[in-house]
Structures are given as C-alpha cells and as structure tokens.
Amino acid sequence: MAIRIIVKHPDPVLRETAKPVPSVTPNIQKLLTDMAETMYDAPGVGLAAPQIGISKRVIVIDVGDEHGLIEMVNPEIVEASGEQLGPEGCLSIPGLQGDVRRKDRLKVKGLNRYGEEFVVEASGFLSRAFQHEIDHLNGVLYIDIAERVYEPKPDEDEEDDEVV
C-alpha cells in the first residue's frame, strides 16, 4: 500500500482516454488499494487512475453512504436518467469549484477487484461522483462542462466543499 502523488491540471495524462484493463491482476488490485489510500489521505470522495498518472480505466469512490468504498475496473454507465445541478471540486484542480449539470440516477457496471462483473445503482451525490470519475477516464475535466467555475468562499457549507 502506498499513497500516490496526485497529478494536477494541466498534466497531459488528465486529457488522455484511459486504456481498458484486459484483466484484473495483482497489480490492478494493488493499484485499487493505493488509489483508495490516496483518496482518503487527500481527502476526497473519488479518484480515477489518470489522477495518479496511470492511464487505465480504474476508479475508486466513497461518498460516505451505505455503499462504502466502491472499487471499479472498466466502469461503464448503462442507464442514466433525471438531472441535477450542483458544485464539484477535483483533487487535480485545487482551489476551484464549478457548478456542473449531471444525470441524477445511474446504473454503472464494471469489474470488482476479483474480476467479477457487478452493477451499482447510484443517485444524487454518488451519481455525480461516478460521472465525474468516468469523465476523468475519457480525458474530460469538470471545468470543461461546468456552467460556472469559481473559487469557493471559506464560509460555504462543508458539504459544498466535497472534492470528487
């Protein structure tokens, strides 16, 4: 286990389309462990492999709900509905937030750390986190799609300061 260095915008790896993972190997399992440790240390609620300089389709998310830590390899949104508009931040873009319009409900499928396919149904903040992290895998940053980008005020609600 190791805490990895989070790359910052405008690092070119953040603009690449990440490569699919052909199979879940011990190296991918170690990557998942390191990513979770890095995300918690940052602290953040989501992390994509490109954010630590690795162009692979791997994400980790923990928004503090009943799902706990979600580790997903080759995530793919298979259903999406509804709409929400809310603030997002990013560990790779410190000091800024943006108001981003996202789908409110999702079904996301991918592989777990053992190579088994599973599906997560997400809504609200978890749905937002999935979309944010999957965008990273496609070289898209929230600042590209935000309706407004701004420096958060120090007195804003703590919940609004969540960094995806």
Protein backbone atom coordinates (compact mmCIF):
# COMPACT_ATOMS: atom_id res chain seq x y z
CA MET A 1 0.00 0.00 0.00
CA ALA A 2 1.20 3.46 -0.86
CA ILE A 3 -0.10 6.97 -1.09
CA ARG A 4 0.47 8.13 -4.65
CA ILE A 5 1.11 11.66 -5.90
CA ILE A 6 -1.98 13.28 -7.40
CA VAL A 7 -1.22 14.93 -10.73
CA LYS A 8 -2.51 18.45 -11.25
CA HIS A 9 -4.08 20.18 -14.22
CA PRO A 10 -2.71 20.78 -16.89
CA ASP A 11 -0.80 17.46 -16.78
CA PRO A 12 -1.40 15.81 -20.21
CA VAL A 13 -2.39 12.43 -18.67
CA LEU A 14 -5.59 14.12 -17.46
CA ARG A 15 -6.59 14.69 -21.12
CA GLU A 16 -5.96 11.13 -22.35
CA THR A 17 -8.61 8.48 -22.93
CA ALA A 18 -7.63 5.81 -20.41
CA LYS A 19 -6.98 2.28 -21.65
CA PRO A 20 -9.36 -0.57 -20.76
CA VAL A 21 -7.97 -3.12 -18.31
CA PRO A 22 -7.84 -6.54 -20.04
CA SER A 23 -7.94 -8.49 -16.76
CA VAL A 24 -7.78 -7.83 -13.05
CA THR A 25 -4.28 -8.83 -11.97
CA PRO A 26 -2.47 -8.49 -8.63
CA ASN A 27 -1.00 -5.22 -9.98
CA ILE A 28 -4.51 -3.85 -10.60
CA GLN A 29 -5.56 -4.97 -7.11
CA LYS A 30 -2.57 -3.10 -5.65
CA LEU A 31 -3.49 -0.07 -7.77
CA LEU A 32 -7.04 -0.14 -6.32
CA THR A 33 -5.66 -0.32 -2.78
CA ASP A 34 -3.20 2.51 -3.40
CA MET A 35 -5.90 4.65 -5.03
CA ALA A 36 -8.26 4.23 -2.07
CA GLU A 37 -5.49 5.09 0.37
CA THR A 38 -4.53 8.14 -1.72
CA MET A 39 -8.18 9.29 -1.98
CA TYR A 40 -8.74 9.03 1.79
CA ASP A 41 -5.44 10.80 2.52
CA ALA A 42 -6.18 13.70 0.13
CA PRO A 43 -9.07 13.79 1.38
CA GLY A 44 -11.51 13.24 -1.45
CA VAL A 45 -14.55 11.14 -2.30
CA GLY A 46 -13.37 9.78 -5.65
CA LEU A 47 -10.21 9.14 -7.62
CA ALA A 48 -9.51 7.94 -11.16
CA ALA A 49 -6.24 6.25 -12.15
CA PRO A 50 -5.26 9.09 -14.53
CA GLN A 51 -5.19 11.39 -11.49
CA ILE A 52 -2.18 9.46 -10.24
CA GLY A 53 -0.58 9.37 -13.68
CA ILE A 54 -1.86 5.94 -14.77
CA SER A 55 -3.92 5.88 -17.96
CA LYS A 56 -6.10 2.88 -17.06
CA ARG A 57 -9.89 2.65 -16.64
CA VAL A 58 -9.90 2.25 -12.86
CA ILE A 59 -11.80 4.33 -10.27
CA VAL A 60 -12.48 4.37 -6.54
CA ILE A 61 -15.35 6.22 -4.85
CA ASP A 62 -16.53 6.60 -1.27
CA VAL A 63 -19.14 9.30 -0.68
CA GLY A 64 -19.74 8.17 2.90
CA ASP A 65 -23.05 6.41 2.22
CA GLU A 66 -24.23 2.81 2.63
CA HIS A 67 -22.18 1.71 -0.41
CA GLY A 68 -18.89 2.38 1.38
CA LEU A 69 -15.79 2.08 -0.77
CA ILE A 70 -16.56 1.25 -4.40
CA GLU A 71 -13.66 -0.05 -6.45
CA MET A 72 -14.43 -0.42 -10.15
CA VAL A 73 -12.40 -1.51 -13.15
CA ASN A 74 -13.65 -0.59 -16.65
CA PRO A 75 -16.73 1.29 -15.36
CA GLU A 76 -19.50 1.91 -17.87
CA ILE A 77 -22.74 3.83 -17.44
CA VAL A 78 -25.52 1.58 -18.75
CA GLU A 79 -28.55 3.66 -17.69
CA ALA A 80 -28.97 7.33 -16.80
CA SER A 81 -31.98 9.50 -16.00
CA GLY A 82 -33.05 12.70 -14.29
CA GLU A 83 -30.97 15.80 -13.82
CA GLN A 84 -29.17 17.63 -11.04
CA LEU A 85 -27.05 20.77 -10.88
CA GLY A 86 -24.50 21.10 -8.13
CA PRO A 87 -20.98 22.02 -7.06
CA GLU A 88 -17.94 19.90 -7.83
CA GLY A 89 -14.30 20.14 -6.96
CA CYS A 90 -11.37 18.00 -8.04
CA LEU A 91 -8.20 16.82 -6.36
CA SER A 92 -6.37 17.56 -9.64
CA ILE A 93 -7.68 21.15 -9.76
CA PRO A 94 -7.16 22.55 -6.26
CA GLY A 95 -8.69 25.86 -5.25
CA LEU A 96 -11.61 25.84 -7.68
CA GLN A 97 -15.18 24.57 -7.81
CA GLY A 98 -17.75 24.51 -10.55
CA ASP A 99 -21.49 24.13 -10.95
CA VAL A 100 -21.99 21.06 -13.12
CA ARG A 101 -25.20 19.61 -14.57
CA ARG A 102 -25.26 15.80 -14.27
CA LYS A 103 -27.69 12.90 -14.50
CA ASP A 104 -29.38 12.25 -11.16
CA ARG A 105 -29.71 8.45 -11.39
CA LEU A 106 -27.37 5.89 -12.92
CA LYS A 107 -26.66 2.22 -13.30
CA VAL A 108 -22.94 1.61 -13.64
CA LYS A 109 -21.37 -1.75 -14.42
CA GLY A 110 -17.78 -2.78 -14.11
CA LEU A 111 -15.44 -5.32 -12.57
CA ASN A 112 -14.57 -5.63 -8.90
CA ARG A 113 -11.07 -6.34 -7.56
CA TYR A 114 -11.61 -10.06 -8.26
CA GLY A 115 -12.57 -9.57 -11.91
CA GLU A 116 -16.27 -10.21 -11.29
CA GLU A 117 -18.84 -8.01 -13.01
CA PHE A 118 -21.16 -6.02 -10.75
CA VAL A 119 -23.66 -3.19 -11.10
CA VAL A 120 -24.16 -0.18 -8.83
CA GLU A 121 -27.35 1.85 -8.82
CA ALA A 122 -26.50 5.41 -7.86
CA SER A 123 -28.42 8.60 -7.25
CA GLY A 124 -27.66 12.09 -6.01
CA PHE A 125 -24.09 12.69 -4.90
CA LEU A 126 -22.95 9.13 -5.69
CA SER A 127 -24.28 9.52 -9.24
CA ARG A 128 -22.35 12.80 -9.54
CA ALA A 129 -19.15 11.15 -8.26
CA PHE A 130 -19.42 8.29 -10.78
CA GLN A 131 -19.91 10.70 -13.67
CA HIS A 132 -17.00 12.88 -12.51
CA GLU A 133 -14.61 9.91 -12.23
CA ILE A 134 -15.72 8.31 -15.52
CA ASP A 135 -15.20 11.68 -17.21
CA HIS A 136 -11.58 11.52 -15.98
CA LEU A 137 -11.22 8.21 -17.82
CA ASN A 138 -12.31 9.97 -21.00
CA GLY A 139 -9.98 12.95 -20.60
CA VAL A 140 -12.81 15.29 -19.55
CA LEU A 141 -12.46 17.62 -16.55
CA TYR A 142 -15.38 19.22 -14.74
CA ILE A 143 -14.07 22.66 -15.73
CA ASP A 144 -14.81 21.69 -19.36
CA ILE A 145 -18.54 21.23 -18.70
CA ALA A 146 -19.20 23.49 -15.71
CA GLU A 147 -21.81 26.19 -16.09
CA ARG A 148 -19.73 28.34 -13.74
CA VAL A 149 -16.21 27.92 -12.27
CA TYR A 150 -15.27 29.84 -9.13
CA GLU A 151 -13.09 29.96 -6.04
CA PRO A 152 -15.17 28.65 -3.11
CA LYS A 153 -15.74 31.03 -0.24
CA PRO A 154 -14.20 29.87 3.05
CA ASP A 155 -17.58 30.19 4.82
CA GLU A 156 -19.54 27.97 2.38
CA ASP A 157 -21.13 24.82 3.77
CA GLU A 158 -18.69 21.99 4.38
CA GLU A 159 -20.81 19.68 2.21
CA ASP A 160 -20.28 22.02 -0.75
CA ASP A 161 -16.53 21.63 -0.31
CA GLU A 162 -16.55 17.92 -1.21
CA VAL A 163 -13.73 17.16 -3.60
CA VAL A 164 -14.55 14.43 -6.07
